[in-house]
Amino acid sequence: MEYTMTAKGLAEQIAVVKSTASKSLQESAMRLLRGVRCKPTKEWINGGGPQRRLRLNVVFQFFNESPVKPIDSNSEVVSISALAAPASRKQ
């Protein structure tokens, strides 16, 4: 994911840069970033202008599946874990 963090601490201009996930998981990652709030320090604002463009790996990991590696090894990682629902059986 790539986004702009404003001086007000809001994530804006959120985009999926590269993904192996489904559209629904990509949309979930975008909702996650829309909810991000932070309080930038004066040094951060002064050092990078009123906003900065950042990258973040969002990894959805299901406990009963093989581990997933981040796509961008130079960016921070947010890992979201859950137990995958068992496949439904036809009756």
C-alpha atoms as a PDB file:
ATOM      1  CA  MET A   1       0.000   0.000   0.000  1.00  0.00           C
ATOM      2  CA  GLU A   2       1.114   3.554  -0.605  1.00  0.00           C
ATOM      3  CA  TYR A   3      -0.451   6.589   1.036  1.00  0.00           C
ATOM      4  CA  THR A   4       0.114  10.194   1.997  1.00  0.00           C
ATOM      5  CA  MET A   5       0.262  11.039   5.711  1.00  0.00           C
ATOM      6  CA  THR A   6      -0.854  14.615   6.191  1.00  0.00           C
ATOM      7  CA  ALA A   7       0.326  17.036   8.843  1.00  0.00           C
ATOM      8  CA  LYS A   8      -3.049  16.436  10.541  1.00  0.00           C
ATOM      9  CA  GLY A   9      -2.162  12.743  10.950  1.00  0.00           C
ATOM     10  CA  LEU A  10      -4.599  11.417   8.340  1.00  0.00           C
ATOM     11  CA  ALA A  11      -3.843   8.823   5.664  1.00  0.00           C
ATOM     12  CA  GLU A  12      -4.977  10.064   2.240  1.00  0.00           C
ATOM     13  CA  GLN A  13      -4.448   9.199  -1.447  1.00  0.00           C
ATOM     14  CA  ILE A  14      -4.337   5.500  -0.554  1.00  0.00           C
ATOM     15  CA  ALA A  15      -3.389   3.143  -3.363  1.00  0.00           C
ATOM     16  CA  VAL A  16      -2.563  -0.512  -3.827  1.00  0.00           C
ATOM     17  CA  VAL A  17       0.901  -0.603  -5.399  1.00  0.00           C
ATOM     18  CA  LYS A  18       1.197  -4.366  -5.805  1.00  0.00           C
ATOM     19  CA  SER A  19      -0.889  -7.211  -4.471  1.00  0.00           C
ATOM     20  CA  THR A  20      -1.459 -10.940  -4.596  1.00  0.00           C
ATOM     21  CA  ALA A  21      -4.672 -10.597  -2.549  1.00  0.00           C
ATOM     22  CA  SER A  22      -8.275 -10.621  -3.680  1.00  0.00           C
ATOM     23  CA  LYS A  23     -10.093  -7.335  -4.345  1.00  0.00           C
ATOM     24  CA  SER A  24     -12.029  -7.714  -1.065  1.00  0.00           C
ATOM     25  CA  LEU A  25      -8.797  -7.995   0.948  1.00  0.00           C
ATOM     26  CA  GLN A  26      -7.313  -5.036  -0.935  1.00  0.00           C
ATOM     27  CA  GLU A  27     -10.402  -2.988  -0.042  1.00  0.00           C
ATOM     28  CA  SER A  28     -10.061  -4.109   3.595  1.00  0.00           C
ATOM     29  CA  ALA A  29      -6.453  -2.913   3.637  1.00  0.00           C
ATOM     30  CA  MET A  30      -7.548   0.458   2.228  1.00  0.00           C
ATOM     31  CA  ARG A  31     -10.242   0.756   4.942  1.00  0.00           C
ATOM     32  CA  LEU A  32      -7.576  -0.035   7.533  1.00  0.00           C
ATOM     33  CA  LEU A  33      -5.408   2.846   6.316  1.00  0.00           C
ATOM     34  CA  ARG A  34      -8.374   5.245   6.092  1.00  0.00           C
ATOM     35  CA  GLY A  35      -8.836   4.649   9.830  1.00  0.00           C
ATOM     36  CA  VAL A  36      -5.212   5.432  10.719  1.00  0.00           C
ATOM     37  CA  ARG A  37      -4.702   8.502  12.883  1.00  0.00           C
ATOM     38  CA  CYS A  38      -1.409   9.757  14.231  1.00  0.00           C
ATOM     39  CA  LYS A  39       0.008  12.890  15.751  1.00  0.00           C
ATOM     40  CA  PRO A  40       3.109  13.878  13.793  1.00  0.00           C
ATOM     41  CA  THR A  41       5.821  15.651  15.732  1.00  0.00           C
ATOM     42  CA  LYS A  42       6.898  19.148  14.736  1.00  0.00           C
ATOM     43  CA  GLU A  43      10.262  17.731  13.642  1.00  0.00           C
ATOM     44  CA  TRP A  44       8.499  15.272  11.330  1.00  0.00           C
ATOM     45  CA  ILE A  45       6.345  17.979   9.807  1.00  0.00           C
ATOM     46  CA  ASN A  46       9.260  20.437   9.532  1.00  0.00           C
ATOM     47  CA  GLY A  47      11.627  17.811   8.145  1.00  0.00           C
ATOM     48  CA  GLY A  48       9.338  16.492   5.437  1.00  0.00           C
ATOM     49  CA  GLY A  49       6.920  19.262   4.689  1.00  0.00           C
ATOM     50  CA  PRO A  50       3.241  19.186   5.569  1.00  0.00           C
ATOM     51  CA  GLN A  51       2.801  15.627   4.289  1.00  0.00           C
ATOM     52  CA  ARG A  52       4.809  12.555   3.336  1.00  0.00           C
ATOM     53  CA  ARG A  53       4.249   9.708   0.915  1.00  0.00           C
ATOM     54  CA  LEU A  54       4.742   6.361   2.670  1.00  0.00           C
ATOM     55  CA  ARG A  55       4.580   2.659   1.874  1.00  0.00           C
ATOM     56  CA  LEU A  56       3.266  -0.119   4.061  1.00  0.00           C
ATOM     57  CA  ASN A  57       2.939  -3.880   3.596  1.00  0.00           C
ATOM     58  CA  VAL A  58      -0.446  -5.156   4.777  1.00  0.00           C
ATOM     59  CA  VAL A  59      -0.265  -8.933   5.174  1.00  0.00           C
ATOM     60  CA  PHE A  60      -3.408 -10.979   5.755  1.00  0.00           C
ATOM     61  CA  GLN A  61      -2.312 -14.247   7.357  1.00  0.00           C
ATOM     62  CA  PHE A  62      -4.638 -17.155   8.069  1.00  0.00           C
ATOM     63  CA  PHE A  63      -3.375 -19.424  10.863  1.00  0.00           C
ATOM     64  CA  ASN A  64      -3.933 -22.668   8.974  1.00  0.00           C
ATOM     65  CA  GLU A  65      -2.128 -21.536   5.803  1.00  0.00           C
ATOM     66  CA  SER A  66       1.528 -21.130   4.848  1.00  0.00           C
ATOM     67  CA  PRO A  67       3.231 -17.909   5.993  1.00  0.00           C
ATOM     68  CA  VAL A  68       3.105 -14.976   3.579  1.00  0.00           C
ATOM     69  CA  LYS A  69       6.136 -12.797   2.893  1.00  0.00           C
ATOM     70  CA  PRO A  70       5.757  -9.017   2.463  1.00  0.00           C
ATOM     71  CA  ILE A  71       6.008  -7.803  -1.132  1.00  0.00           C
ATOM     72  CA  ASP A  72       8.169  -4.759  -0.325  1.00  0.00           C
ATOM     73  CA  SER A  73      11.060  -5.683   1.982  1.00  0.00           C
ATOM     74  CA  ASN A  74      11.956  -1.988   2.465  1.00  0.00           C
ATOM     75  CA  SER A  75       8.575  -1.020   3.979  1.00  0.00           C
ATOM     76  CA  GLU A  76       6.981  -1.546   7.369  1.00  0.00           C
ATOM     77  CA  VAL A  77       4.584  -4.478   7.804  1.00  0.00           C
ATOM     78  CA  VAL A  78       1.124  -4.671   9.361  1.00  0.00           C
ATOM     79  CA  SER A  79       0.033  -8.281   9.814  1.00  0.00           C
ATOM     80  CA  ILE A  80      -3.652  -9.143  10.191  1.00  0.00           C
ATOM     81  CA  SER A  81      -4.223 -12.704  11.379  1.00  0.00           C
ATOM     82  CA  ALA A  82      -7.337 -14.830  11.486  1.00  0.00           C
ATOM     83  CA  LEU A  83      -8.386 -18.440  11.496  1.00  0.00           C
ATOM     84  CA  ALA A  84      -9.623 -19.368   8.030  1.00  0.00           C
ATOM     85  CA  ALA A  85     -13.098 -20.857   7.954  1.00  0.00           C
ATOM     86  CA  PRO A  86     -13.169 -24.546   7.047  1.00  0.00           C
ATOM     87  CA  ALA A  87     -14.364 -25.368   3.560  1.00  0.00           C
ATOM     88  CA  SER A  88     -18.076 -26.107   3.508  1.00  0.00           C
ATOM     89  CA  ARG A  89     -19.087 -29.680   2.785  1.00  0.00           C
ATOM     90  CA  LYS A  90     -21.671 -30.460   0.151  1.00  0.00           C
ATOM     91  CA  GLN A  91     -24.538 -32.588   1.397  1.00  0.00           C
END
